[in-house]
Amino acid sequence: MGWVFLLAAGLVEIAMAAALKQSEDWSKLVPSAIGVLTALLSIYLLAKALRYLPLGPAYAIWTGIGSVGVVLMGVLFFGEALSPARLACIALVIGGTVGLRLVNG
């Protein structure tokens, strides 16, 4: 069950970043409020995941899901460039995340 909470927390973290991007430096109320609420929900789900999973790997995986997801969202929805170097960095994050999962069972 911890992995389900952790995956959900990471996905909500991606939604938070999207909302904050749309908030335009906190000048738009609705996206700003959504950003705060999704941040709180993401932390809540992470806390639920930590009932079942070790802290270090869970936190690293949570940030990895958020990092890779936000980079991909930037490319797909905000026109950011996807260079070979960025792809290599994404692969490193995914490799480290998978490695932590495998090492900690």
C-alpha atoms as a PDB file:
ATOM      1  CA  MET A   1       0.000   0.000   0.000  1.00  0.00           C
ATOM      2  CA  GLY A   2       2.914   2.340   0.678  1.00  0.00           C
ATOM      3  CA  TRP A   3       3.944   2.305  -2.978  1.00  0.00           C
ATOM      4  CA  VAL A   4       0.444   3.356  -4.044  1.00  0.00           C
ATOM      5  CA  PHE A   5       0.547   6.305  -1.649  1.00  0.00           C
ATOM      6  CA  LEU A   6       4.048   7.193  -2.835  1.00  0.00           C
ATOM      7  CA  LEU A   7       3.083   7.106  -6.516  1.00  0.00           C
ATOM      8  CA  ALA A   8       0.018   9.239  -5.810  1.00  0.00           C
ATOM      9  CA  ALA A   9       2.142  11.709  -3.835  1.00  0.00           C
ATOM     10  CA  GLY A  10       4.561  12.034  -6.742  1.00  0.00           C
ATOM     11  CA  LEU A  11       1.773  12.568  -9.264  1.00  0.00           C
ATOM     12  CA  VAL A  12       0.155  15.208  -7.071  1.00  0.00           C
ATOM     13  CA  GLU A  13       3.566  16.886  -6.808  1.00  0.00           C
ATOM     14  CA  ILE A  14       3.555  17.213 -10.606  1.00  0.00           C
ATOM     15  CA  ALA A  15       0.092  18.789 -10.458  1.00  0.00           C
ATOM     16  CA  MET A  16       1.391  21.233  -7.848  1.00  0.00           C
ATOM     17  CA  ALA A  17       4.191  22.365 -10.136  1.00  0.00           C
ATOM     18  CA  ALA A  18       1.731  22.873 -12.993  1.00  0.00           C
ATOM     19  CA  ALA A  19      -0.542  24.957 -10.772  1.00  0.00           C
ATOM     20  CA  LEU A  20       2.353  27.089  -9.567  1.00  0.00           C
ATOM     21  CA  LYS A  21       3.469  27.656 -13.162  1.00  0.00           C
ATOM     22  CA  GLN A  22      -0.050  28.855 -13.982  1.00  0.00           C
ATOM     23  CA  SER A  23      -0.210  31.071 -10.882  1.00  0.00           C
ATOM     24  CA  GLU A  24       2.142  33.578 -12.540  1.00  0.00           C
ATOM     25  CA  ASP A  25       4.143  34.429  -9.436  1.00  0.00           C
ATOM     26  CA  TRP A  26       1.133  34.054  -7.133  1.00  0.00           C
ATOM     27  CA  SER A  27      -0.778  36.746  -9.020  1.00  0.00           C
ATOM     28  CA  LYS A  28      -3.665  34.437  -9.974  1.00  0.00           C
ATOM     29  CA  LEU A  29      -5.741  33.261  -7.022  1.00  0.00           C
ATOM     30  CA  VAL A  30      -7.167  29.970  -8.293  1.00  0.00           C
ATOM     31  CA  PRO A  31      -3.921  28.413  -9.571  1.00  0.00           C
ATOM     32  CA  SER A  32      -2.123  29.667  -6.454  1.00  0.00           C
ATOM     33  CA  ALA A  33      -4.707  28.044  -4.187  1.00  0.00           C
ATOM     34  CA  ILE A  34      -4.558  24.824  -6.191  1.00  0.00           C
ATOM     35  CA  GLY A  35      -0.772  24.885  -5.861  1.00  0.00           C
ATOM     36  CA  VAL A  36      -0.953  25.174  -2.075  1.00  0.00           C
ATOM     37  CA  LEU A  37      -3.661  22.516  -1.748  1.00  0.00           C
ATOM     38  CA  THR A  38      -1.846  20.041  -3.976  1.00  0.00           C
ATOM     39  CA  ALA A  39       1.398  20.665  -2.066  1.00  0.00           C
ATOM     40  CA  LEU A  40      -0.380  19.813   1.170  1.00  0.00           C
ATOM     41  CA  LEU A  41      -2.003  16.748  -0.397  1.00  0.00           C
ATOM     42  CA  SER A  42       1.325  15.548  -1.755  1.00  0.00           C
ATOM     43  CA  ILE A  43       2.961  15.852   1.662  1.00  0.00           C
ATOM     44  CA  TYR A  44      -0.003  14.097   3.275  1.00  0.00           C
ATOM     45  CA  LEU A  45       0.272  11.200   0.829  1.00  0.00           C
ATOM     46  CA  LEU A  46       4.024  11.024   1.388  1.00  0.00           C
ATOM     47  CA  ALA A  47       3.404  10.826   5.139  1.00  0.00           C
ATOM     48  CA  LYS A  48       0.938   7.965   4.548  1.00  0.00           C
ATOM     49  CA  ALA A  49       3.532   6.174   2.401  1.00  0.00           C
ATOM     50  CA  LEU A  50       6.137   6.560   5.145  1.00  0.00           C
ATOM     51  CA  ARG A  51       4.009   4.393   7.429  1.00  0.00           C
ATOM     52  CA  TYR A  52       5.010   1.467   5.192  1.00  0.00           C
ATOM     53  CA  LEU A  53       8.281   2.477   3.533  1.00  0.00           C
ATOM     54  CA  PRO A  54      11.739   3.521   4.742  1.00  0.00           C
ATOM     55  CA  LEU A  55      12.265   7.296   4.814  1.00  0.00           C
ATOM     56  CA  GLY A  56      15.367   7.710   2.637  1.00  0.00           C
ATOM     57  CA  PRO A  57      14.308   5.695  -0.400  1.00  0.00           C
ATOM     58  CA  ALA A  58      10.689   6.882  -0.202  1.00  0.00           C
ATOM     59  CA  TYR A  59      11.702  10.529  -0.163  1.00  0.00           C
ATOM     60  CA  ALA A  60      14.172  10.041  -3.008  1.00  0.00           C
ATOM     61  CA  ILE A  61      11.574   8.217  -5.102  1.00  0.00           C
ATOM     62  CA  TRP A  62       8.943  10.889  -4.360  1.00  0.00           C
ATOM     63  CA  THR A  63      11.265  13.633  -5.527  1.00  0.00           C
ATOM     64  CA  GLY A  64      12.322  11.525  -8.517  1.00  0.00           C
ATOM     65  CA  ILE A  65       8.728  11.061  -9.657  1.00  0.00           C
ATOM     66  CA  GLY A  66       8.145  14.782  -9.266  1.00  0.00           C
ATOM     67  CA  SER A  67      11.384  15.783 -10.995  1.00  0.00           C
ATOM     68  CA  VAL A  68      10.990  13.569 -14.032  1.00  0.00           C
ATOM     69  CA  GLY A  69       7.270  14.281 -14.270  1.00  0.00           C
ATOM     70  CA  VAL A  70       7.754  18.045 -14.150  1.00  0.00           C
ATOM     71  CA  VAL A  71      10.502  17.946 -16.779  1.00  0.00           C
ATOM     72  CA  LEU A  72       8.285  15.882 -19.087  1.00  0.00           C
ATOM     73  CA  MET A  73       5.325  18.171 -18.413  1.00  0.00           C
ATOM     74  CA  GLY A  74       7.491  21.165 -19.304  1.00  0.00           C
ATOM     75  CA  VAL A  75       8.432  19.555 -22.590  1.00  0.00           C
ATOM     76  CA  LEU A  76       4.919  18.390 -23.483  1.00  0.00           C
ATOM     77  CA  PHE A  77       2.858  21.360 -22.350  1.00  0.00           C
ATOM     78  CA  PHE A  78       5.143  24.364 -21.991  1.00  0.00           C
ATOM     79  CA  GLY A  79       7.402  24.034 -25.024  1.00  0.00           C
ATOM     80  CA  GLU A  80      10.625  23.382 -23.124  1.00  0.00           C
ATOM     81  CA  ALA A  81      13.480  21.766 -25.056  1.00  0.00           C
ATOM     82  CA  LEU A  82      14.340  18.100 -24.660  1.00  0.00           C
ATOM     83  CA  SER A  83      18.025  17.743 -25.476  1.00  0.00           C
ATOM     84  CA  PRO A  84      20.113  14.573 -25.348  1.00  0.00           C
ATOM     85  CA  ALA A  85      21.697  15.876 -22.144  1.00  0.00           C
ATOM     86  CA  ARG A  86      18.289  16.325 -20.512  1.00  0.00           C
ATOM     87  CA  LEU A  87      17.280  12.815 -21.610  1.00  0.00           C
ATOM     88  CA  ALA A  88      20.485  11.445 -20.075  1.00  0.00           C
ATOM     89  CA  CYS A  89      19.747  13.227 -16.797  1.00  0.00           C
ATOM     90  CA  ILE A  90      16.190  11.887 -16.771  1.00  0.00           C
ATOM     91  CA  ALA A  91      17.599   8.396 -17.335  1.00  0.00           C
ATOM     92  CA  LEU A  92      19.947   8.866 -14.372  1.00  0.00           C
ATOM     93  CA  VAL A  93      17.077   9.927 -12.104  1.00  0.00           C
ATOM     94  CA  ILE A  94      14.947   6.983 -13.219  1.00  0.00           C
ATOM     95  CA  GLY A  95      17.871   4.590 -12.835  1.00  0.00           C
ATOM     96  CA  GLY A  96      18.577   5.820  -9.323  1.00  0.00           C
ATOM     97  CA  THR A  97      14.912   5.643  -8.389  1.00  0.00           C
ATOM     98  CA  VAL A  98      14.568   2.079  -9.681  1.00  0.00           C
ATOM     99  CA  GLY A  99      17.819   1.157  -7.969  1.00  0.00           C
ATOM    100  CA  LEU A 100      16.560   2.416  -4.620  1.00  0.00           C
ATOM    101  CA  ARG A 101      13.354   0.449  -5.066  1.00  0.00           C
ATOM    102  CA  LEU A 102      15.240  -2.754  -5.882  1.00  0.00           C
ATOM    103  CA  VAL A 103      17.757  -2.380  -3.061  1.00  0.00           C
ATOM    104  CA  ASN A 104      15.058  -1.809  -0.450  1.00  0.00           C
ATOM    105  CA  GLY A 105      12.631  -4.413  -1.801  1.00  0.00           C
END
